[in-house]
Amino acid sequence: MANPPDPGALFRDMLGQWEQMTNQFGGEALKTGEFARVMQGANAAAMQAQGATHQVMDRALAAANMPSRSEVADISARLARIEEAVARIEGIVMAQAGIAPPPRPKPKRTRTAPTKS
């Protein structure tokens, strides 16, 4: 008995040819200077839109008397520096007083070793 024709073969061939033509056209288009200028313009527009969005958000947060992301990051960095300074001072004072520093907490060991069956 002869095999019936594959109904999807025509579609697969057509799809393969379309993909090949698209790849060829896209490869040629990517090599042109116009494409590079268009992509550079699109990137510049996206960066301007992002900057405008940040400015609008900063103004809205300022109007609501809330800190912006950059202000929170600055405060966090300043707090980390203060904590480091306090730890150094604490260590110096404890060393002068002859007090041993408290032991560092050990990490919790929640995993158990595999059992052999």
Protein backbone atom coordinates (compact mmCIF):
# COMPACT_ATOMS: atom_id res chain seq x y z
CA MET A 1 0.00 0.00 0.00
CA ALA A 2 1.42 3.44 -0.93
CA ASN A 3 1.94 6.09 1.68
CA PRO A 4 -0.52 9.01 1.39
CA PRO A 5 1.05 12.43 0.69
CA ASP A 6 2.06 14.43 3.75
CA PRO A 7 -0.31 17.42 4.10
CA GLY A 8 2.22 19.33 6.22
CA ALA A 9 5.10 18.97 3.75
CA LEU A 10 3.98 21.95 1.65
CA PHE A 11 3.65 24.09 4.78
CA ARG A 12 7.09 23.02 6.07
CA ASP A 13 8.70 23.81 2.71
CA MET A 14 6.98 27.17 2.53
CA LEU A 15 8.01 27.98 6.11
CA GLY A 16 11.61 26.96 5.43
CA GLN A 17 11.79 29.17 2.32
CA TRP A 18 10.24 32.09 4.18
CA GLU A 19 12.73 31.68 7.03
CA GLN A 20 15.65 31.56 4.59
CA MET A 21 14.49 34.72 2.77
CA THR A 22 13.89 36.52 6.06
CA ASN A 23 17.35 35.61 7.35
CA GLN A 24 18.95 36.78 4.11
CA PHE A 25 17.04 40.09 4.12
CA GLY A 26 17.71 40.66 7.84
CA GLY A 27 21.41 39.95 7.42
CA GLU A 28 21.68 42.45 4.59
CA ALA A 29 19.64 45.06 6.49
CA LEU A 30 21.83 44.76 9.60
CA LYS A 31 24.93 45.59 7.56
CA THR A 32 23.63 48.96 6.38
CA GLY A 33 24.49 52.27 7.99
CA GLU A 34 20.85 53.36 7.93
CA PHE A 35 19.89 50.49 10.23
CA ALA A 36 22.64 51.45 12.67
CA ARG A 37 21.43 55.07 12.69
CA VAL A 38 17.82 53.98 13.25
CA MET A 39 18.84 51.71 16.13
CA GLN A 40 20.98 54.47 17.65
CA GLY A 41 18.06 56.89 17.39
CA ALA A 42 15.68 54.39 18.97
CA ASN A 43 18.14 53.76 21.79
CA ALA A 44 18.60 57.50 22.37
CA ALA A 45 14.82 57.99 22.44
CA ALA A 46 14.42 55.17 24.95
CA MET A 47 17.11 56.66 27.17
CA GLN A 48 15.45 60.09 27.04
CA ALA A 49 12.09 58.55 27.90
CA GLN A 50 13.65 56.71 30.82
CA GLY A 51 15.29 59.92 32.07
CA ALA A 52 12.01 61.80 31.77
CA THR A 53 10.24 59.05 33.70
CA HIS A 54 12.81 59.26 36.49
CA GLN A 55 12.40 63.04 36.67
CA VAL A 56 8.60 62.75 36.84
CA MET A 57 8.85 60.10 39.54
CA ASP A 58 11.32 62.21 41.55
CA ARG A 59 8.96 65.19 41.36
CA ALA A 60 5.95 63.07 42.34
CA LEU A 61 7.82 61.55 45.27
CA ALA A 62 9.02 64.99 46.37
CA ALA A 63 5.44 66.28 46.23
CA ALA A 64 4.33 63.34 48.38
CA ASN A 65 7.24 64.02 50.77
CA MET A 66 8.74 60.59 50.07
CA PRO A 67 12.38 59.77 49.30
CA SER A 68 13.43 58.74 45.82
CA ARG A 69 15.32 55.54 45.05
CA SER A 70 18.64 57.39 44.84
CA GLU A 71 18.02 59.09 48.19
CA VAL A 72 17.24 55.74 49.83
CA ALA A 73 20.42 54.25 48.32
CA ASP A 74 22.46 57.20 49.63
CA ILE A 75 20.97 56.86 53.11
CA SER A 76 21.64 53.12 53.07
CA ALA A 77 25.29 53.65 52.11
CA ARG A 78 25.72 56.30 54.83
CA LEU A 79 24.12 53.98 57.41
CA ALA A 80 26.47 51.14 56.41
CA ARG A 81 29.49 53.44 56.88
CA ILE A 82 28.17 54.55 60.30
CA GLU A 83 27.66 50.94 61.38
CA GLU A 84 31.23 50.07 60.32
CA ALA A 85 32.59 53.03 62.31
CA VAL A 86 30.58 52.05 65.39
CA ALA A 87 31.85 48.47 65.12
CA ARG A 88 35.47 49.71 64.92
CA ILE A 89 34.97 52.00 67.93
CA GLU A 90 33.27 49.20 69.85
CA GLY A 91 36.19 46.88 69.11
CA ILE A 92 38.75 49.45 70.28
CA VAL A 93 36.84 50.15 73.51
CA MET A 94 36.41 46.45 74.23
CA ALA A 95 40.11 45.79 73.56
CA GLN A 96 41.16 48.62 75.92
CA ALA A 97 38.81 47.33 78.61
CA GLY A 98 40.14 43.79 78.21
CA ILE A 99 36.77 42.39 77.22
CA ALA A 100 36.73 39.63 74.65
CA PRO A 101 34.50 40.34 71.67
CA PRO A 102 31.29 38.34 71.58
CA PRO A 103 31.49 35.21 69.46
CA ARG A 104 30.15 35.53 65.98
CA PRO A 105 26.95 33.62 65.40
CA LYS A 106 27.49 30.43 63.46
CA PRO A 107 25.34 29.70 60.44
CA LYS A 108 22.39 27.45 61.03
CA ARG A 109 22.90 23.91 59.85
CA THR A 110 19.43 22.95 58.70
CA ARG A 111 20.48 20.39 56.13
CA THR A 112 21.11 16.87 57.27
CA ALA A 113 23.55 14.43 55.82
CA PRO A 114 22.06 11.84 53.49
CA THR A 115 21.42 8.51 55.10
CA LYS A 116 22.69 5.30 53.58
CA SER A 117 20.02 2.73 53.00
